[in-house]
C-alpha atoms as a PDB file:
ATOM      1  CA  MET A   1       0.000   0.000   0.000  1.00  0.00           C
ATOM      2  CA  PHE A   2       2.746   2.435   0.932  1.00  0.00           C
ATOM      3  CA  GLY A   3       4.689   1.672  -2.271  1.00  0.00           C
ATOM      4  CA  GLY A   4       1.567   2.305  -4.389  1.00  0.00           C
ATOM      5  CA  LEU A   5       1.052   5.702  -2.798  1.00  0.00           C
ATOM      6  CA  LEU A   6       4.648   6.711  -3.475  1.00  0.00           C
ATOM      7  CA  LYS A   7       4.345   5.566  -7.108  1.00  0.00           C
ATOM      8  CA  LYS A   8       1.187   7.651  -7.595  1.00  0.00           C
ATOM      9  CA  LEU A   9       2.813  10.630  -5.928  1.00  0.00           C
ATOM     10  CA  THR A  10       5.870  10.386  -8.200  1.00  0.00           C
ATOM     11  CA  LEU A  11       3.783  10.127 -11.391  1.00  0.00           C
ATOM     12  CA  LEU A  12       1.634  13.078 -10.383  1.00  0.00           C
ATOM     13  CA  GLY A  13       4.742  15.096  -9.639  1.00  0.00           C
ATOM     14  CA  VAL A  14       6.094  14.394 -13.108  1.00  0.00           C
ATOM     15  CA  ALA A  15       2.721  15.259 -14.630  1.00  0.00           C
ATOM     16  CA  ILE A  16       2.615  18.561 -12.757  1.00  0.00           C
ATOM     17  CA  VAL A  17       6.079  19.491 -13.958  1.00  0.00           C
ATOM     18  CA  LEU A  18       5.152  18.676 -17.544  1.00  0.00           C
ATOM     19  CA  LEU A  19       1.876  20.561 -17.308  1.00  0.00           C
ATOM     20  CA  GLY A  20       3.710  23.526 -15.819  1.00  0.00           C
ATOM     21  CA  ILE A  21       6.144  23.592 -18.746  1.00  0.00           C
ATOM     22  CA  VAL A  22       3.330  23.245 -21.249  1.00  0.00           C
ATOM     23  CA  ALA A  23       1.346  26.002 -19.524  1.00  0.00           C
ATOM     24  CA  ALA A  24       4.346  28.360 -19.566  1.00  0.00           C
ATOM     25  CA  CYS A  25       4.950  27.746 -23.248  1.00  0.00           C
ATOM     26  CA  ALA A  26       1.318  27.708 -24.238  1.00  0.00           C
ATOM     27  CA  GLU A  27       0.425  31.215 -23.023  1.00  0.00           C
ATOM     28  CA  GLU A  28       1.428  32.706 -26.342  1.00  0.00           C
ATOM     29  CA  ALA A  29       1.087  29.610 -28.612  1.00  0.00           C
ATOM     30  CA  VAL A  30      -2.565  28.753 -27.829  1.00  0.00           C
ATOM     31  CA  SER A  31      -5.778  30.588 -27.277  1.00  0.00           C
ATOM     32  CA  ARG A  32      -6.667  32.029 -23.904  1.00  0.00           C
ATOM     33  CA  SER A  33      -9.451  29.453 -23.396  1.00  0.00           C
ATOM     34  CA  ASP A  34      -7.063  26.536 -24.013  1.00  0.00           C
ATOM     35  CA  TYR A  35      -4.572  28.082 -21.621  1.00  0.00           C
ATOM     36  CA  GLU A  36      -7.219  28.425 -18.891  1.00  0.00           C
ATOM     37  CA  ALA A  37      -8.266  24.771 -19.380  1.00  0.00           C
ATOM     38  CA  LEU A  38      -4.676  23.630 -19.106  1.00  0.00           C
ATOM     39  CA  LYS A  39      -4.166  25.729 -15.971  1.00  0.00           C
ATOM     40  CA  ALA A  40      -7.318  24.244 -14.386  1.00  0.00           C
ATOM     41  CA  GLN A  41      -6.028  20.728 -15.113  1.00  0.00           C
ATOM     42  CA  LEU A  42      -2.738  21.640 -13.444  1.00  0.00           C
ATOM     43  CA  ASP A  43      -4.589  22.879 -10.346  1.00  0.00           C
ATOM     44  CA  GLN A  44      -6.547  19.609 -10.173  1.00  0.00           C
ATOM     45  CA  GLU A  45      -3.346  17.572 -10.309  1.00  0.00           C
ATOM     46  CA  ARG A  46      -1.842  19.679  -7.540  1.00  0.00           C
ATOM     47  CA  GLU A  47      -4.906  18.961  -5.377  1.00  0.00           C
ATOM     48  CA  LYS A  48      -4.448  15.222  -6.033  1.00  0.00           C
ATOM     49  CA  VAL A  49      -0.801  15.514  -4.964  1.00  0.00           C
ATOM     50  CA  ALA A  50      -1.815  17.270  -1.741  1.00  0.00           C
ATOM     51  CA  ALA A  51      -4.386  14.534  -1.003  1.00  0.00           C
ATOM     52  CA  LEU A  52      -1.823  11.788  -1.656  1.00  0.00           C
ATOM     53  CA  GLN A  53       0.755  13.549   0.531  1.00  0.00           C
ATOM     54  CA  LYS A  54      -1.816  13.590   3.353  1.00  0.00           C
ATOM     55  CA  GLN A  55      -2.458   9.841   2.901  1.00  0.00           C
ATOM     56  CA  VAL A  56       1.276   9.128   2.962  1.00  0.00           C
ATOM     57  CA  SER A  57       1.693  11.153   6.151  1.00  0.00           C
ATOM     58  CA  GLU A  58      -1.226   9.375   7.866  1.00  0.00           C
ATOM     59  CA  PHE A  59       0.054   5.970   6.752  1.00  0.00           C
ATOM     60  CA  GLN A  60       3.526   6.676   8.135  1.00  0.00           C
ATOM     61  CA  THR A  61       2.079   7.872  11.443  1.00  0.00           C
ATOM     62  CA  THR A  62      -0.145   4.777  11.796  1.00  0.00           C
ATOM     63  CA  THR A  63       2.745   2.446  10.924  1.00  0.00           C
ATOM     64  CA  VAL A  64       4.977   4.044  13.533  1.00  0.00           C
ATOM     65  CA  LEU A  65       2.279   3.723  16.192  1.00  0.00           C
ATOM     66  CA  ARG A  66       1.667   0.061  15.345  1.00  0.00           C
ATOM     67  CA  ALA A  67       5.357  -0.735  15.344  1.00  0.00           C
ATOM     68  CA  LYS A  68       5.928   0.903  18.701  1.00  0.00           C
ATOM     69  CA  PRO A  69       7.109  -1.864  21.045  1.00  0.00           C
ATOM     70  CA  VAL A  70       4.829  -2.672  23.942  1.00  0.00           C
ATOM     71  CA  PRO A  71       6.765  -2.695  27.209  1.00  0.00           C
ATOM     72  CA  THR A  72       6.760  -6.037  29.000  1.00  0.00           C
ATOM     73  CA  PRO A  73       4.955  -5.689  32.336  1.00  0.00           C
ATOM     74  CA  THR A  74       7.099  -6.334  35.339  1.00  0.00           C
ATOM     75  CA  PRO A  75       5.851  -9.497  37.085  1.00  0.00           C
ATOM     76  CA  ALA A  76       4.623  -9.025  40.589  1.00  0.00           C
ATOM     77  CA  PRO A  77       6.906 -10.498  43.243  1.00  0.00           C
ATOM     78  CA  PRO A  78       5.694 -13.811  44.668  1.00  0.00           C
ATOM     79  CA  ALA A  79       3.510 -13.546  47.709  1.00  0.00           C
ATOM     80  CA  GLN A  80       5.393 -14.233  50.892  1.00  0.00           C
ATOM     81  CA  ALA A  81       4.039 -15.409  54.180  1.00  0.00           C
ATOM     82  CA  THR A  82       3.940 -12.675  56.749  1.00  0.00           C
ATOM     83  CA  GLY A  83       5.591 -13.136  60.074  1.00  0.00           C
ATOM     84  CA  PRO A  84       8.169 -15.676  61.203  1.00  0.00           C
ATOM     85  CA  ARG A  85       7.954 -19.333  60.205  1.00  0.00           C
ATOM     86  CA  PRO A  86       6.158 -21.381  62.881  1.00  0.00           C
ATOM     87  CA  ALA A  87       8.181 -23.888  64.857  1.00  0.00           C
ATOM     88  CA  MET A  88       8.058 -27.426  63.459  1.00  0.00           C
ATOM     89  CA  PRO A  89       6.766 -30.017  65.960  1.00  0.00           C
ATOM     90  CA  ALA A  90       9.465 -32.287  67.369  1.00  0.00           C
ATOM     91  CA  SER A  91       7.507 -35.355  66.208  1.00  0.00           C
ATOM     92  CA  TYR A  92       8.552 -34.611  62.610  1.00  0.00           C
ATOM     93  CA  ARG A  93      12.148 -35.441  63.575  1.00  0.00           C
ATOM     94  CA  GLU A  94      11.267 -38.726  65.239  1.00  0.00           C
ATOM     95  CA  PRO A  95      11.464 -42.126  63.498  1.00  0.00           C
ATOM     96  CA  VAL A  96       8.374 -43.180  61.578  1.00  0.00           C
ATOM     97  CA  GLY A  97       6.961 -46.402  62.828  1.00  0.00           C
ATOM     98  CA  PRO A  98       6.303 -49.074  63.298  1.00  0.00           C
ATOM     99  CA  PHE A  99       4.465 -48.724  59.964  1.00  0.00           C
ATOM    100  CA  TYR A 100       4.273 -46.224  57.139  1.00  0.00           C
ATOM    101  CA  VAL A 101       0.858 -45.843  55.470  1.00  0.00           C
ATOM    102  CA  TYR A 102      -0.155 -44.354  52.131  1.00  0.00           C
ATOM    103  CA  VAL A 103      -3.923 -44.015  51.504  1.00  0.00           C
ATOM    104  CA  GLU A 104      -6.173 -42.858  48.693  1.00  0.00           C
ATOM    105  CA  THR A 105      -9.968 -42.669  48.613  1.00  0.00           C
ATOM    106  CA  LEU A 106     -11.839 -43.428  45.397  1.00  0.00           C
ATOM    107  CA  THR A 107     -15.328 -43.521  43.975  1.00  0.00           C
ATOM    108  CA  ALA A 108     -16.773 -46.966  43.292  1.00  0.00           C
ATOM    109  CA  GLY A 109     -18.384 -48.015  40.023  1.00  0.00           C
ATOM    110  CA  GLY A 110     -21.560 -50.046  39.834  1.00  0.00           C
ATOM    111  CA  VAL A 111     -24.463 -49.861  42.257  1.00  0.00           C
ATOM    112  CA  SER A 112     -24.249 -49.330  46.011  1.00  0.00           C
ATOM    113  CA  LYS A 113     -26.449 -51.343  48.341  1.00  0.00           C
ATOM    114  CA  TYR A 114     -28.686 -48.266  48.531  1.00  0.00           C
ATOM    115  CA  GLY A 115     -29.404 -48.411  44.801  1.00  0.00           C
ATOM    116  CA  LEU A 116     -27.281 -45.485  43.557  1.00  0.00           C
ATOM    117  CA  GLN A 117     -25.320 -46.275  40.409  1.00  0.00           C
ATOM    118  CA  PHE A 118     -22.080 -44.659  39.270  1.00  0.00           C
ATOM    119  CA  ASP A 119     -20.335 -45.480  36.018  1.00  0.00           C
ATOM    120  CA  ARG A 120     -16.894 -44.094  36.773  1.00  0.00           C
ATOM    121  CA  GLY A 121     -15.126 -46.233  39.350  1.00  0.00           C
ATOM    122  CA  CYS A 122     -11.649 -46.003  40.858  1.00  0.00           C
ATOM    123  CA  ALA A 123     -11.543 -42.213  40.468  1.00  0.00           C
ATOM    124  CA  PRO A 124      -9.633 -40.443  43.266  1.00  0.00           C
ATOM    125  CA  ASN A 125     -11.970 -38.232  45.232  1.00  0.00           C
ATOM    126  CA  GLY A 126     -12.292 -36.513  48.592  1.00  0.00           C
ATOM    127  CA  THR A 127     -16.019 -35.740  48.627  1.00  0.00           C
ATOM    128  CA  PHE A 128     -18.794 -38.325  48.508  1.00  0.00           C
ATOM    129  CA  LYS A 129     -22.577 -38.219  48.429  1.00  0.00           C
ATOM    130  CA  ARG A 130     -24.761 -40.167  50.790  1.00  0.00           C
ATOM    131  CA  GLY A 131     -25.945 -43.440  49.308  1.00  0.00           C
ATOM    132  CA  THR A 132     -22.716 -43.988  47.337  1.00  0.00           C
ATOM    133  CA  LYS A 133     -19.750 -46.226  48.086  1.00  0.00           C
ATOM    134  CA  ILE A 134     -16.302 -45.099  49.279  1.00  0.00           C
ATOM    135  CA  VAL A 135     -13.299 -47.281  48.448  1.00  0.00           C
ATOM    136  CA  TRP A 136     -10.058 -47.037  50.413  1.00  0.00           C
ATOM    137  CA  ARG A 137      -6.849 -48.300  48.802  1.00  0.00           C
ATOM    138  CA  PHE A 138      -3.679 -48.174  50.871  1.00  0.00           C
ATOM    139  CA  GLU A 139      -0.181 -49.508  51.293  1.00  0.00           C
ATOM    140  CA  VAL A 140       1.428 -50.412  54.606  1.00  0.00           C
ATOM    141  CA  VAL A 141       5.224 -50.556  54.888  1.00  0.00           C
ATOM    142  CA  ASP A 142       6.846 -52.339  57.821  1.00  0.00           C
ATOM    143  CA  MET A 143       9.562 -49.905  58.912  1.00  0.00           C
ATOM    144  CA  ALA A 144      11.444 -52.666  60.760  1.00  0.00           C
ATOM    145  CA  THR A 145      12.026 -54.658  57.552  1.00  0.00           C
ATOM    146  CA  GLY A 146      11.505 -52.000  54.875  1.00  0.00           C
ATOM    147  CA  ARG A 147       9.040 -54.323  53.113  1.00  0.00           C
ATOM    148  CA  ARG A 148       5.376 -53.912  52.287  1.00  0.00           C
ATOM    149  CA  LEU A 149       3.045 -55.566  54.733  1.00  0.00           C
ATOM    150  CA  THR A 150       0.907 -58.134  52.874  1.00  0.00           C
ATOM    151  CA  ASP A 151      -1.590 -60.820  53.795  1.00  0.00           C
ATOM    152  CA  ALA A 152       1.312 -63.291  53.773  1.00  0.00           C
ATOM    153  CA  ASP A 153       2.407 -61.653  57.053  1.00  0.00           C
ATOM    154  CA  GLU A 154      -1.055 -62.396  58.479  1.00  0.00           C
ATOM    155  CA  PRO A 155      -1.635 -58.985  60.058  1.00  0.00           C
ATOM    156  CA  THR A 156      -4.989 -57.666  61.209  1.00  0.00           C
ATOM    157  CA  VAL A 157      -5.784 -54.534  59.220  1.00  0.00           C
ATOM    158  CA  LYS A 158      -9.037 -52.650  59.809  1.00  0.00           C
ATOM    159  CA  LEU A 159     -10.557 -49.382  58.718  1.00  0.00           C
ATOM    160  CA  VAL A 160     -12.223 -47.671  61.687  1.00  0.00           C
ATOM    161  CA  LEU A 161     -15.082 -45.237  61.009  1.00  0.00           C
ATOM    162  CA  PRO A 162     -15.922 -42.359  63.368  1.00  0.00           C
ATOM    163  CA  HIS A 163     -19.206 -43.932  64.504  1.00  0.00           C
ATOM    164  CA  GLY A 164     -17.292 -47.030  65.682  1.00  0.00           C
ATOM    165  CA  GLU A 165     -17.893 -49.417  62.770  1.00  0.00           C
ATOM    166  CA  GLU A 166     -14.789 -51.426  61.792  1.00  0.00           C
ATOM    167  CA  LEU A 167     -14.234 -52.746  58.269  1.00  0.00           C
ATOM    168  CA  THR A 168     -11.701 -55.543  57.758  1.00  0.00           C
ATOM    169  CA  ALA A 169      -9.341 -54.702  54.901  1.00  0.00           C
ATOM    170  CA  ARG A 170      -8.215 -57.312  52.404  1.00  0.00           C
ATOM    171  CA  PHE A 171      -5.030 -57.485  50.348  1.00  0.00           C
ATOM    172  CA  SER A 172      -5.776 -57.802  46.619  1.00  0.00           C
ATOM    173  CA  GLN A 173      -4.792 -56.689  43.154  1.00  0.00           C
ATOM    174  CA  ARG A 174      -6.471 -53.549  41.858  1.00  0.00           C
ATOM    175  CA  GLY A 175      -8.991 -54.132  39.099  1.00  0.00           C
ATOM    176  CA  ALA A 176      -9.728 -57.689  40.264  1.00  0.00           C
ATOM    177  CA  GLY A 177      -6.810 -59.007  38.226  1.00  0.00           C
ATOM    178  CA  ARG A 178      -8.107 -57.698  34.888  1.00  0.00           C
ATOM    179  CA  ILE A 179      -4.883 -55.735  34.363  1.00  0.00           C
ATOM    180  CA  PRO A 180      -1.781 -57.960  34.760  1.00  0.00           C
ATOM    181  CA  ASP A 181       0.575 -55.216  36.036  1.00  0.00           C
ATOM    182  CA  ALA A 182      -1.958 -53.580  38.390  1.00  0.00           C
ATOM    183  CA  PRO A 183      -0.585 -52.933  41.906  1.00  0.00           C
ATOM    184  CA  TRP A 184      -1.507 -55.029  44.926  1.00  0.00           C
ATOM    185  CA  MET A 185      -2.846 -53.023  47.866  1.00  0.00           C
ATOM    186  CA  TRP A 186      -4.999 -53.221  50.951  1.00  0.00           C
ATOM    187  CA  ALA A 187      -8.620 -52.274  50.261  1.00  0.00           C
ATOM    188  CA  SER A 188     -11.842 -51.615  52.102  1.00  0.00           C
ATOM    189  CA  ALA A 189     -15.205 -50.203  51.022  1.00  0.00           C
ATOM    190  CA  TRP A 190     -18.226 -48.675  52.722  1.00  0.00           C
ATOM    191  CA  ASP A 191     -21.729 -47.801  51.500  1.00  0.00           C
ATOM    192  CA  ILE A 192     -22.659 -44.428  52.996  1.00  0.00           C
ATOM    193  CA  PRO A 193     -26.134 -44.556  54.579  1.00  0.00           C
ATOM    194  CA  PRO A 194     -28.612 -42.057  53.076  1.00  0.00           C
ATOM    195  CA  ASP A 195     -29.129 -40.464  56.499  1.00  0.00           C
ATOM    196  CA  TYR A 196     -25.453 -40.342  57.523  1.00  0.00           C
ATOM    197  CA  PRO A 197     -24.405 -36.974  59.038  1.00  0.00           C
ATOM    198  CA  LEU A 198     -22.868 -34.534  56.588  1.00  0.00           C
ATOM    199  CA  GLY A 199     -19.352 -33.241  57.135  1.00  0.00           C
ATOM    200  CA  ALA A 200     -15.827 -34.554  57.635  1.00  0.00           C
ATOM    201  CA  LEU A 201     -15.258 -38.303  57.954  1.00  0.00           C
ATOM    202  CA  ASP A 202     -12.546 -38.869  60.558  1.00  0.00           C
ATOM    203  CA  TYR A 203     -11.581 -42.429  59.735  1.00  0.00           C
ATOM    204  CA  ALA A 204      -8.498 -44.310  60.970  1.00  0.00           C
ATOM    205  CA  ILE A 205      -6.592 -47.469  60.020  1.00  0.00           C
ATOM    206  CA  SER A 206      -5.704 -50.007  62.709  1.00  0.00           C
ATOM    207  CA  ILE A 207      -2.757 -52.356  62.087  1.00  0.00           C
ATOM    208  CA  THR A 208      -1.684 -55.264  64.304  1.00  0.00           C
ATOM    209  CA  THR A 209       0.947 -57.893  63.461  1.00  0.00           C
ATOM    210  CA  LYS A 210       1.422 -61.429  64.791  1.00  0.00           C
ATOM    211  CA  ASP A 211       4.412 -60.343  66.881  1.00  0.00           C
ATOM    212  CA  GLY A 212       2.241 -57.888  68.818  1.00  0.00           C
ATOM    213  CA  ARG A 213       3.215 -54.608  67.161  1.00  0.00           C
ATOM    214  CA  SER A 214       0.307 -52.274  66.522  1.00  0.00           C
ATOM    215  CA  MET A 215      -0.467 -48.771  65.344  1.00  0.00           C
ATOM    216  CA  VAL A 216      -3.522 -46.636  64.656  1.00  0.00           C
ATOM    217  CA  TRP A 217      -2.931 -44.361  61.677  1.00  0.00           C
ATOM    218  CA  LYS A 218      -4.966 -41.216  61.050  1.00  0.00           C
ATOM    219  CA  PRO A 219      -4.644 -39.140  57.870  1.00  0.00           C
ATOM    220  CA  PRO A 220      -2.952 -35.768  58.367  1.00  0.00           C
ATOM    221  CA  ALA A 221      -5.427 -32.988  57.679  1.00  0.00           C
ATOM    222  CA  LEU A 222      -5.470 -29.252  57.190  1.00  0.00           C
ATOM    223  CA  VAL A 223      -8.374 -27.931  59.243  1.00  0.00           C
ATOM    224  CA  GLY A 224      -8.995 -24.254  59.877  1.00  0.00           C
ATOM    225  CA  PRO A 225     -11.263 -21.314  59.040  1.00  0.00           C
ATOM    226  CA  ASN A 226     -12.747 -21.912  55.565  1.00  0.00           C
ATOM    227  CA  VAL A 227     -10.534 -24.946  54.909  1.00  0.00           C
ATOM    228  CA  ASP A 228     -10.907 -28.661  55.644  1.00  0.00           C
ATOM    229  CA  SER A 229      -8.883 -31.237  53.689  1.00  0.00           C
ATOM    230  CA  ARG A 230     -10.541 -34.281  55.273  1.00  0.00           C
ATOM    231  CA  VAL A 231     -12.746 -36.707  53.364  1.00  0.00           C
ATOM    232  CA  THR A 232     -16.202 -35.133  53.398  1.00  0.00           C
ATOM    233  CA  ILE A 233     -19.750 -36.428  53.110  1.00  0.00           C
ATOM    234  CA  ILE A 234     -21.982 -34.047  51.123  1.00  0.00           C
ATOM    235  CA  ASP A 235     -25.626 -33.937  49.992  1.00  0.00           C
END
């Protein structure tokens, strides 16, 4: 576009020069009426040049404005906690034991005993509706041997619910053996009664081995104003 404007401007400039020469020479060689017509044509061409010069100026101004680099905004500094760091409890420096536990809670596929059906099973979740089924999958590591605790060790492993009900966990392969490389874990499941109280579910896992070692594990939770990371019963 810019090149076309310059080309037009150049051609009009040449035309004006030629018309000016012709007009100067024609004052005596042609009639007065022809001279006036030629002069009017020259004025028209000069007006076209002025209009094109204005377009060129506007185009250059717009191009400069568009090409002006946009300054990169300075990122805000990361938010920092106010005040001194709280003291870490001494228990975090003590040996873990006698067992280490890793737990995940999942939705269950199929139909619960209360008649509610869910198609997507084994999906990690922390909130569950009444009438559905919660599945717990967890690993237990014997810190004395560094090995996973399995049913070959003949331990007693139970999931303890806050209302006192105890569910015996079983050691099995995830997916009921349908996937060859699926992990083996302890598992327990519970159908939530339709009238069960809403809110956090403070469950625990009780572990006892044949040699008399025992431990009750409770999931660490973040509980405070407007925050509660515990498994929750809703609706």
